[in-house]
Protein backbone atom coordinates (compact mmCIF):
# COMPACT_ATOMS: atom_id res chain seq x y z
CA MET A 1 -26.95 31.21 -33.46
CA ILE A 2 -24.35 29.57 -31.44
CA ASN A 3 -22.35 32.20 -29.25
CA MET A 4 -18.59 31.89 -29.72
CA ILE A 5 -16.27 32.23 -26.72
CA PRO A 6 -12.58 33.29 -27.17
CA MET A 7 -9.94 30.84 -25.90
CA LYS A 8 -6.49 31.22 -25.86
CA THR A 9 -4.26 28.67 -27.23
CA GLY A 10 -1.39 28.63 -24.76
CA ARG A 11 1.24 29.24 -27.43
CA ASP A 12 3.32 32.40 -27.79
CA ASP A 13 3.58 32.10 -31.39
CA ILE A 14 1.39 30.08 -34.05
CA SER A 15 2.06 31.96 -37.27
CA GLY A 16 5.05 33.94 -36.57
CA LYS A 17 3.00 36.68 -35.00
CA SER A 18 1.68 37.34 -31.48
CA ARG A 19 -0.37 35.11 -29.75
CA SER A 20 -3.63 34.23 -31.60
CA ASN A 21 -7.16 33.70 -30.27
CA LEU A 22 -9.26 30.88 -31.19
CA VAL A 23 -12.80 30.24 -30.61
CA LEU A 24 -14.97 27.11 -29.79
CA PRO A 25 -18.90 26.88 -29.55
CA THR A 26 -20.38 27.60 -26.33
CA ALA A 27 -22.00 24.31 -26.57
CA LEU A 28 -18.73 22.35 -26.91
CA LEU A 29 -17.30 24.25 -23.82
CA LEU A 30 -20.31 23.36 -21.67
CA LEU A 31 -20.03 19.66 -22.71
CA PHE A 32 -16.27 19.77 -21.89
CA GLY A 33 -17.23 21.36 -18.47
CA PHE A 34 -19.76 18.77 -17.60
CA THR A 35 -17.30 15.82 -18.38
CA LEU A 36 -14.70 17.45 -16.05
CA ALA A 37 -17.38 17.88 -13.33
CA GLY A 38 -18.45 14.23 -13.95
CA GLN A 39 -14.84 13.14 -13.53
CA ALA A 40 -14.10 15.27 -10.46
CA GLN A 41 -17.14 13.71 -8.70
CA ALA A 42 -16.31 10.29 -9.46
CA ILE A 43 -12.67 10.69 -8.22
CA GLU A 44 -13.61 12.82 -5.20
CA THR A 45 -12.85 11.50 -1.65
CA VAL A 46 -12.73 12.89 1.82
CA CYS A 47 -9.36 11.25 2.84
CA GLY A 48 -6.62 11.01 0.51
CA PRO A 49 -3.90 8.23 0.41
CA GLU A 50 -1.72 10.01 2.92
CA VAL A 51 -4.27 9.21 5.54
CA LYS A 52 -4.48 5.50 4.53
CA GLU A 53 -0.72 5.20 4.53
CA GLU A 54 -0.76 6.50 8.14
CA VAL A 55 -3.33 3.81 9.18
CA ALA A 56 -1.19 1.13 7.38
CA LYS A 57 2.00 2.12 9.26
CA ALA A 58 0.19 2.41 12.70
CA LEU A 59 -1.01 -1.19 12.15
CA SER A 60 2.10 -2.46 10.66
CA ALA A 61 4.05 -1.31 13.93
CA VAL A 62 1.85 -3.69 16.08
CA ALA A 63 2.16 -6.91 13.86
CA ASP A 64 3.64 -8.79 16.44
CA ALA A 65 1.13 -7.71 19.29
CA SER A 66 -1.66 -9.75 20.76
CA ASP A 67 -5.07 -9.97 18.94
CA SER A 68 -6.61 -7.83 21.62
CA GLU A 69 -3.85 -5.16 21.52
CA LYS A 70 -4.25 -4.85 17.70
CA LEU A 71 -8.24 -4.69 18.12
CA ALA A 72 -7.61 -2.02 20.64
CA LEU A 73 -5.46 0.05 18.36
CA GLN A 74 -7.79 -0.35 15.63
CA ALA A 75 -10.70 0.95 17.75
CA GLU A 76 -8.66 4.06 18.21
CA LEU A 77 -7.95 4.41 14.56
CA TYR A 78 -11.52 3.99 13.93
CA LYS A 79 -12.52 7.01 16.16
CA GLN A 80 -9.65 8.97 14.73
CA TYR A 81 -10.63 8.53 11.09
CA ALA A 82 -14.24 7.69 11.05
CA TYR A 83 -14.94 11.04 9.27
CA CYS A 84 -13.26 9.38 6.22
CA ALA A 85 -16.43 7.53 5.50
CA GLY A 86 -17.94 10.62 4.55
CA ASP A 87 -17.44 9.49 1.01
CA ALA A 88 -20.58 7.48 1.21
CA THR A 89 -22.76 10.64 0.74
CA LEU A 90 -21.24 10.87 -2.91
CA ILE A 91 -22.38 7.55 -4.28
CA PRO A 92 -25.87 8.07 -5.88
CA PRO A 93 -28.48 5.30 -5.70
CA THR A 94 -28.08 4.68 -9.50
CA SER A 95 -24.27 4.52 -9.33
CA SER A 96 -22.58 1.30 -11.16
CA PHE A 97 -21.74 -0.18 -7.85
CA ILE A 98 -25.25 -0.46 -6.51
CA LEU A 99 -26.67 -1.66 -9.82
CA ALA A 100 -23.92 -4.42 -9.71
CA ALA A 101 -25.11 -5.47 -6.16
CA LYS A 102 -28.43 -5.71 -7.28
CA GLN A 103 -27.45 -7.81 -10.21
CA CYS A 104 -25.69 -10.12 -7.75
CA GLY A 105 -28.92 -10.45 -5.55
CA SER A 106 -27.65 -8.01 -2.86
CA LYS A 107 -28.72 -4.96 -0.87
CA VAL A 108 -25.95 -2.49 0.15
CA SER A 109 -25.91 -1.23 3.64
CA ASN A 110 -23.26 -0.08 6.13
CA LEU A 111 -21.60 2.16 3.35
CA GLY A 112 -18.27 3.62 3.84
CA SER A 113 -15.85 5.01 1.36
CA LEU A 114 -15.70 3.32 -1.88
CA TYR A 115 -12.94 5.43 -3.58
CA TYR A 116 -10.22 2.77 -2.96
CA GLU A 117 -11.96 -0.72 -2.93
CA GLU A 118 -15.62 -1.99 -3.12
CA MET A 119 -17.50 -5.47 -2.98
CA SER A 120 -20.65 -5.95 -4.87
CA CYS A 121 -21.13 -9.60 -4.67
CA CYS A 122 -20.76 -12.67 -1.99
CA GLY A 123 -21.57 -16.32 -2.22
CA TYR A 124 -21.59 -19.25 0.09
CA ASP A 125 -20.77 -22.80 -0.53
CA PRO A 126 -22.57 -24.83 2.00
CA GLN A 127 -20.70 -28.14 1.42
CA ARG A 128 -17.39 -26.46 2.22
CA ARG A 129 -18.72 -24.10 4.58
CA GLN A 130 -16.84 -21.40 2.81
CA PHE A 131 -17.84 -17.77 1.74
CA ALA A 132 -16.06 -16.03 -1.20
CA CYS A 133 -16.25 -12.46 -2.00
CA PRO A 134 -14.45 -10.75 -4.90
CA VAL A 135 -13.08 -7.22 -3.81
CA LYS A 136 -12.44 -4.67 -6.58
CA ILE A 137 -9.49 -2.66 -6.13
CA LYS A 138 -9.86 0.80 -7.71
CA GLN A 139 -6.50 2.60 -6.88
CA VAL A 140 -2.77 2.08 -7.14
CA PHE A 141 -2.10 3.66 -3.99
CA GLY A 142 -3.39 3.92 -0.29
CA PHE A 143 -2.78 0.24 0.51
CA GLY A 144 0.61 0.43 2.13
CA GLY A 145 4.21 0.04 1.13
CA ALA A 146 4.90 -2.72 -1.41
CA PRO A 147 5.42 -5.64 -1.22
CA LEU A 148 5.53 -5.19 2.50
CA PRO A 149 4.02 -4.02 4.96
CA GLY A 150 0.95 -3.31 2.89
CA SER A 151 -2.49 -3.84 4.58
CA ARG A 152 -5.53 -6.24 4.60
CA GLU A 153 -9.05 -6.24 3.28
CA TYR A 154 -11.14 -7.80 5.83
CA VAL A 155 -14.70 -9.48 5.25
CA LEU A 156 -16.85 -10.64 8.16
CA HIS A 157 -19.62 -12.93 7.48
CA CYS A 158 -22.92 -12.96 9.43
CA VAL A 159 -26.08 -15.26 9.25
CA ALA A 160 -29.41 -14.83 10.70
CA ASP A 161 -31.42 -17.45 12.71
CA SER A 162 -35.12 -17.90 12.58
CA THR A 163 -35.72 -14.92 14.44
CA GLY A 164 -33.55 -12.71 12.22
CA THR A 165 -30.73 -12.21 14.55
CA LEU A 166 -27.27 -11.86 12.83
CA VAL A 167 -24.35 -13.39 14.45
CA PRO A 168 -20.85 -13.84 13.00
CA VAL A 169 -20.10 -17.09 11.28
CA GLY A 170 -16.52 -16.50 9.92
CA VAL A 171 -13.97 -13.78 8.92
CA ASP A 172 -10.81 -13.71 7.13
CA SER A 173 -8.79 -11.18 4.81
CA VAL A 174 -6.57 -10.96 1.79
CA HIS A 175 -3.12 -9.09 1.75
CA LEU A 176 -2.51 -6.30 -0.79
CA ALA A 177 -0.06 -3.28 -1.21
CA ASN A 178 0.49 -0.21 -3.35
CA GLU A 179 0.92 -1.01 -7.04
CA MET A 180 4.68 -0.99 -7.89
CA HIS A 181 4.86 -2.22 -11.67
CA GLY A 182 3.19 0.73 -13.11
CA ASN A 183 -0.22 -1.17 -14.07
CA SER A 184 -3.46 0.65 -13.78
CA PRO A 185 -6.70 -0.61 -11.80
CA THR A 186 -9.11 -2.36 -11.57
CA TRP A 187 -8.09 -5.41 -10.02
CA GLN A 188 -10.16 -8.15 -8.52
CA PHE A 189 -8.88 -9.69 -5.47
CA ALA A 190 -10.97 -12.25 -3.33
CA VAL A 191 -11.56 -12.97 0.15
CA ILE A 192 -12.39 -16.61 1.04
CA ALA A 193 -13.45 -17.29 4.62
CA ASN A 194 -14.44 -20.42 6.50
CA ALA A 195 -17.74 -20.40 8.30
CA ASN A 196 -16.17 -21.81 11.57
CA GLN A 197 -18.21 -19.89 14.18
CA ASN A 198 -21.66 -20.39 15.77
CA LEU A 199 -22.43 -23.27 13.46
CA SER A 200 -25.87 -23.61 14.54
CA ARG A 201 -26.34 -20.74 11.97
CA ILE A 202 -25.18 -22.94 9.17
CA TYR A 203 -26.62 -26.17 10.32
CA PRO A 204 -28.46 -28.34 9.40
CA MET A 205 -27.86 -28.43 5.74
CA ASP A 206 -31.40 -28.96 4.91
CA GLY A 207 -32.13 -26.38 2.33
CA GLN A 208 -33.30 -23.71 4.47
CA THR A 209 -33.01 -20.05 3.11
CA ARG A 210 -30.99 -17.85 5.58
CA ARG A 211 -30.39 -14.01 5.48
CA ALA A 212 -26.51 -13.20 5.39
CA ARG A 213 -24.54 -10.26 5.61
CA SER A 214 -20.75 -9.58 4.56
CA ILE A 215 -18.84 -6.81 5.50
CA LEU A 216 -15.82 -5.54 3.71
CA SER A 217 -13.42 -3.26 5.80
CA TRP A 218 -9.90 -2.17 4.72
CA ALA A 219 -7.34 -2.48 7.48
CA LEU A 220 -9.80 -2.36 10.44
CA GLN A 221 -11.35 -5.87 11.20
CA PRO A 222 -15.31 -5.63 11.60
CA THR A 223 -16.14 -6.29 15.12
CA SER A 224 -19.82 -6.87 14.90
CA CYS A 225 -22.52 -7.64 12.49
CA ASN A 226 -23.63 -4.02 12.55
CA TYR A 227 -20.11 -2.67 11.87
CA THR A 228 -19.93 0.12 9.49
CA PRO A 229 -16.50 0.36 7.98
CA ILE A 230 -14.60 3.31 7.04
CA TRP A 231 -13.51 2.17 3.78
CA GLY A 232 -15.70 -0.68 2.44
CA ASN A 233 -19.47 -1.62 2.67
CA ALA A 234 -21.81 -4.53 3.60
CA LEU A 235 -24.02 -6.66 1.36
CA ASN A 236 -27.15 -8.46 2.42
CA TYR A 237 -28.37 -11.25 0.53
CA ALA A 238 -29.87 -14.81 0.88
CA ILE A 239 -27.93 -18.23 1.09
CA ARG A 240 -29.38 -21.65 1.06
CA LEU A 241 -28.15 -24.49 3.22
CA ASP A 242 -28.27 -27.27 0.76
CA GLN A 243 -27.27 -30.81 1.49
C-alpha cells in the first residue's frame, strides 16, 4: 500500500470553494526530492559570480601595467580567493567530466572549481609545435562585463624530459565575457598555444613519447607546472614527437 501525503495546490480557489488539498504518492514525492537534490549538487559552488566579477575588475584595472605587476596582483588575488577551489571536493570520480578526460586519454589533476569552465581534452601538433585545448564554458556569468573588459582563460603547457621533470613549453589564453544575447551554455572555446619555451623538451622530432601536462586557469595565469588553479583543472597525457 502506498502512503498518501496531502499537498496544497497554492491556489485560493479551484472549484468555487475554499482551497482544496490534493494528494501525491509518497514515491513520486521522493523521486521529485531526489531530482532536486541532484540538481542542487550539480549547481553548487563555493564562490558565486560576484566573486569572479571582483577578480575580473581588479585585473582589468591593471591592464596597462607591466607583466611583473600583473603577476604580482594575480598572486595576491590567488591568496585571497584560494578557498573558492573548494568546489573540487564536490566532483565525484564518476562524473561526466572525469569520464570525458579518460576518453581523451588524460588523467585529471590539480583540480579547482569546475562550476564555470572545464577542460577535458588537449592535443599537440609536433609539426606546428602547437597545443590545442577546447575549454567548455558552462555559465552565462562570472567572466566579466561584455564585451569588455571580460577576462581570459589561460592554459599553460608542460612537457617532461627523460627524467620525468616537467617544464613549461608554452602558454596562451582566449578572451571571453558574460553572455549578452540571452543564449544558454554550454559553449566550446579553444586555447591555441605555441610551444616556444624550453625547446629541448620537444626536440628532436624523432617519434619519442613524452609526458605532458596542460593547466587551465581562469583569469590567473599559471606560474608553474605544479600550479593548482582556483577555477580550472590540469590534464596529464602523452604526446609523441613525430617527424
